[in-house]
Amino acid sequence: MKYLLMISFLSWAGLAHGEEKNNQFKVAGKTFEVPSSWKVEKPSSRMRKAQFKNGKAEIVVFYFGAGSGGSVEANVNRWIGQFKEPKEELSAKVEKAEYKKSKITTVSAKGTYMSGPPFGQKVPMPNHAMRGAIIECEGGPIFVKMTGPVDEVLASAKSFDKSVRSGL
């Protein structure tokens, strides 16, 4: 009986520990906390360091190391360019801030998101939005991007920003 209780406890402890890991991701020596509503997914490419789903919104994390991944401006322009409409029609917003000695550039846009791999077929996703963050770190920039239906992305923007700042 003691043996069964011990196995039950160890199983429960393992699940609790696993849940804790599901609510965070580690990249570039930093640990970021994420809301419990973000469900962990297996990254769909080797470029992705972490991937989550929050309702219909997808959250992805990229990290390429020091000197890689392109400039902040190039990534901001590329992310905005993933929409069908021109920048002027996207209500695009770029904000720069410093948090605990790290520079963070956030990007928001809404319109018809062109979903798909970088060099593959694109699928138009009307009424979608994007919230992205580029965290400039000593070991290279960390890129975090959320895309999905406008209402879901807007509703998750504050928790997204909190997650981005949590590892700094």
Protein backbone atom coordinates (compact mmCIF):
# COMPACT_ATOMS: atom_id res chain seq x y z
CA MET A 1 0.00 0.00 0.00
CA LYS A 2 2.83 2.40 0.90
CA TYR A 3 4.41 1.55 -2.44
CA LEU A 4 1.21 2.50 -4.32
CA LEU A 5 0.91 5.75 -2.37
CA MET A 6 4.54 6.58 -3.15
CA ILE A 7 4.00 5.92 -6.88
CA SER A 8 0.84 8.04 -6.86
CA PHE A 9 2.65 10.89 -5.13
CA LEU A 10 5.64 10.73 -7.48
CA SER A 11 3.32 10.69 -10.50
CA TRP A 12 1.44 13.71 -9.17
CA ALA A 13 4.71 15.52 -8.39
CA GLY A 14 5.94 14.82 -11.92
CA LEU A 15 2.74 16.19 -13.42
CA ALA A 16 2.92 19.30 -11.26
CA HIS A 17 6.54 19.83 -12.28
CA GLY A 18 5.61 19.31 -15.94
CA GLU A 19 2.81 21.85 -15.71
CA GLU A 20 5.26 24.35 -14.31
CA LYS A 21 7.52 23.84 -17.33
CA ASN A 22 4.54 24.24 -19.65
CA ASN A 23 4.08 27.74 -18.26
CA GLN A 24 7.52 28.92 -19.30
CA PHE A 25 10.12 28.78 -22.00
CA LYS A 26 13.87 29.14 -21.86
CA VAL A 27 15.95 30.84 -24.52
CA ALA A 28 19.34 32.58 -24.53
CA GLY A 29 19.87 31.74 -20.87
CA LYS A 30 16.63 33.48 -19.86
CA THR A 31 13.41 31.95 -18.53
CA PHE A 32 10.13 33.55 -19.57
CA GLU A 33 6.81 32.89 -17.81
CA VAL A 34 3.69 32.44 -19.92
CA PRO A 35 -0.02 32.41 -19.04
CA SER A 36 -1.58 29.03 -18.27
CA SER A 37 -3.92 29.60 -21.23
CA TRP A 38 -0.92 29.22 -23.59
CA LYS A 39 -0.81 25.56 -24.57
CA VAL A 40 2.61 24.19 -25.47
CA GLU A 41 3.00 22.88 -29.02
CA LYS A 42 5.88 21.12 -30.67
CA PRO A 43 7.73 23.73 -32.76
CA SER A 44 6.80 23.26 -36.43
CA SER A 45 10.32 24.11 -37.61
CA ARG A 46 13.87 24.03 -36.28
CA MET A 47 13.94 27.83 -36.42
CA ARG A 48 11.34 28.00 -33.65
CA LYS A 49 12.65 27.72 -30.09
CA ALA A 50 9.16 27.54 -28.55
CA GLN A 51 5.59 27.49 -29.86
CA PHE A 52 2.26 27.96 -28.10
CA LYS A 53 -1.45 28.14 -28.95
CA ASN A 54 -3.87 30.45 -27.11
CA GLY A 55 -7.32 29.81 -28.55
CA LYS A 56 -6.80 30.36 -32.27
CA ALA A 57 -3.78 32.62 -31.73
CA GLU A 58 -0.31 31.20 -32.28
CA ILE A 59 2.73 32.40 -30.32
CA VAL A 60 6.20 31.57 -31.60
CA VAL A 61 9.70 32.27 -30.27
CA PHE A 62 12.79 32.60 -32.47
CA TYR A 63 16.41 32.94 -31.41
CA PHE A 64 19.41 32.71 -33.75
CA GLY A 65 22.28 33.87 -31.54
CA ALA A 66 24.59 36.86 -31.53
CA GLY A 67 24.90 38.70 -34.85
CA SER A 68 22.09 36.68 -36.45
CA GLY A 69 18.43 37.20 -37.20
CA GLY A 70 18.71 40.60 -38.85
CA SER A 71 18.29 44.10 -37.53
CA VAL A 72 15.32 45.27 -35.48
CA GLU A 73 14.13 47.49 -38.35
CA ALA A 74 14.43 44.70 -40.93
CA ASN A 75 12.33 42.38 -38.75
CA VAL A 76 9.74 45.07 -38.03
CA ASN A 77 9.38 45.70 -41.77
CA ARG A 78 9.24 41.98 -42.55
CA TRP A 79 6.53 41.37 -39.94
CA ILE A 80 4.42 44.28 -41.19
CA GLY A 81 5.02 43.04 -44.74
CA GLN A 82 3.34 39.73 -43.83
CA PHE A 83 0.00 41.50 -44.22
CA LYS A 84 -1.76 41.89 -47.55
CA GLU A 85 -2.62 45.55 -47.03
CA PRO A 86 -0.05 48.36 -47.16
CA LYS A 87 1.38 49.52 -43.82
CA GLU A 88 -0.80 52.65 -43.81
CA GLU A 89 -3.98 50.51 -43.69
CA LEU A 90 -2.88 48.18 -40.87
CA SER A 91 -3.13 50.51 -37.86
CA ALA A 92 0.50 49.45 -37.46
CA LYS A 93 2.21 50.60 -34.31
CA VAL A 94 5.89 50.28 -33.38
CA GLU A 95 6.99 51.10 -29.83
CA LYS A 96 10.48 51.09 -28.35
CA ALA A 97 11.08 50.79 -24.61
CA GLU A 98 13.79 49.83 -22.18
CA TYR A 99 13.02 47.35 -19.43
CA LYS A 100 15.66 46.23 -16.92
CA LYS A 101 18.48 47.33 -19.23
CA SER A 102 17.04 45.43 -22.23
CA LYS A 103 15.67 47.20 -25.30
CA ILE A 104 12.29 45.89 -26.42
CA THR A 105 10.62 46.85 -29.69
CA THR A 106 6.95 45.88 -29.93
CA VAL A 107 4.99 45.78 -33.16
CA SER A 108 1.23 45.61 -33.64
CA ALA A 109 -0.79 45.42 -36.84
CA LYS A 110 -4.18 44.17 -38.00
CA GLY A 111 -5.56 43.29 -41.40
CA THR A 112 -5.27 40.28 -43.72
CA TYR A 113 -2.37 38.21 -42.44
CA MET A 114 -0.66 36.12 -45.10
CA SER A 115 0.00 32.87 -43.24
CA GLY A 116 2.56 30.34 -44.40
CA PRO A 117 6.25 29.44 -44.49
CA PRO A 118 8.74 32.14 -45.52
CA PHE A 119 9.20 30.86 -49.08
CA GLY A 120 6.03 28.80 -49.44
CA GLN A 121 2.39 29.22 -50.39
CA LYS A 122 0.57 31.92 -48.39
CA VAL A 123 -3.01 31.68 -47.13
CA PRO A 124 -4.86 34.99 -46.57
CA MET A 125 -6.30 35.26 -43.05
CA PRO A 126 -8.68 38.27 -42.95
CA ASN A 127 -9.43 40.05 -39.66
CA HIS A 128 -6.18 38.89 -38.12
CA ALA A 129 -3.66 40.71 -35.98
CA MET A 130 -0.06 40.42 -34.95
CA ARG A 131 1.70 41.43 -31.75
CA GLY A 132 5.45 40.97 -31.86
CA ALA A 133 8.40 41.77 -29.65
CA ILE A 134 12.09 41.96 -30.37
CA ILE A 135 14.19 41.77 -27.23
CA GLU A 136 17.75 42.98 -27.74
CA CYS A 137 20.02 40.84 -25.56
CA GLU A 138 23.75 40.39 -25.12
CA GLY A 139 23.61 36.96 -26.79
CA GLY A 140 21.52 38.20 -29.72
CA PRO A 141 17.89 39.24 -30.22
CA ILE A 142 14.95 37.13 -29.10
CA PHE A 143 11.87 37.35 -31.34
CA VAL A 144 8.40 36.60 -29.95
CA LYS A 145 5.39 36.87 -32.26
CA MET A 146 1.67 36.25 -31.74
CA THR A 147 -0.74 36.06 -34.68
CA GLY A 148 -4.42 35.19 -34.80
CA PRO A 149 -7.94 36.62 -34.97
CA VAL A 150 -8.00 40.32 -34.09
CA ASP A 151 -10.16 39.93 -30.97
CA GLU A 152 -7.96 37.17 -29.53
CA VAL A 153 -4.68 38.97 -30.18
CA LEU A 154 -5.99 42.27 -28.74
CA ALA A 155 -7.38 40.47 -25.67
CA SER A 156 -4.00 38.78 -25.09
CA ALA A 157 -1.76 41.79 -25.74
CA LYS A 158 -1.20 42.67 -22.05
CA SER A 159 -0.39 39.08 -21.03
CA PHE A 160 1.90 38.81 -24.09
CA ASP A 161 3.79 41.95 -23.03
CA LYS A 162 4.02 40.66 -19.44
CA SER A 163 5.49 37.36 -20.70
CA VAL A 164 8.03 39.19 -22.86
CA ARG A 165 9.24 41.20 -19.84
CA SER A 166 9.18 38.25 -17.40
CA GLY A 167 12.56 36.83 -18.41
CA LEU A 168 14.52 40.07 -18.18
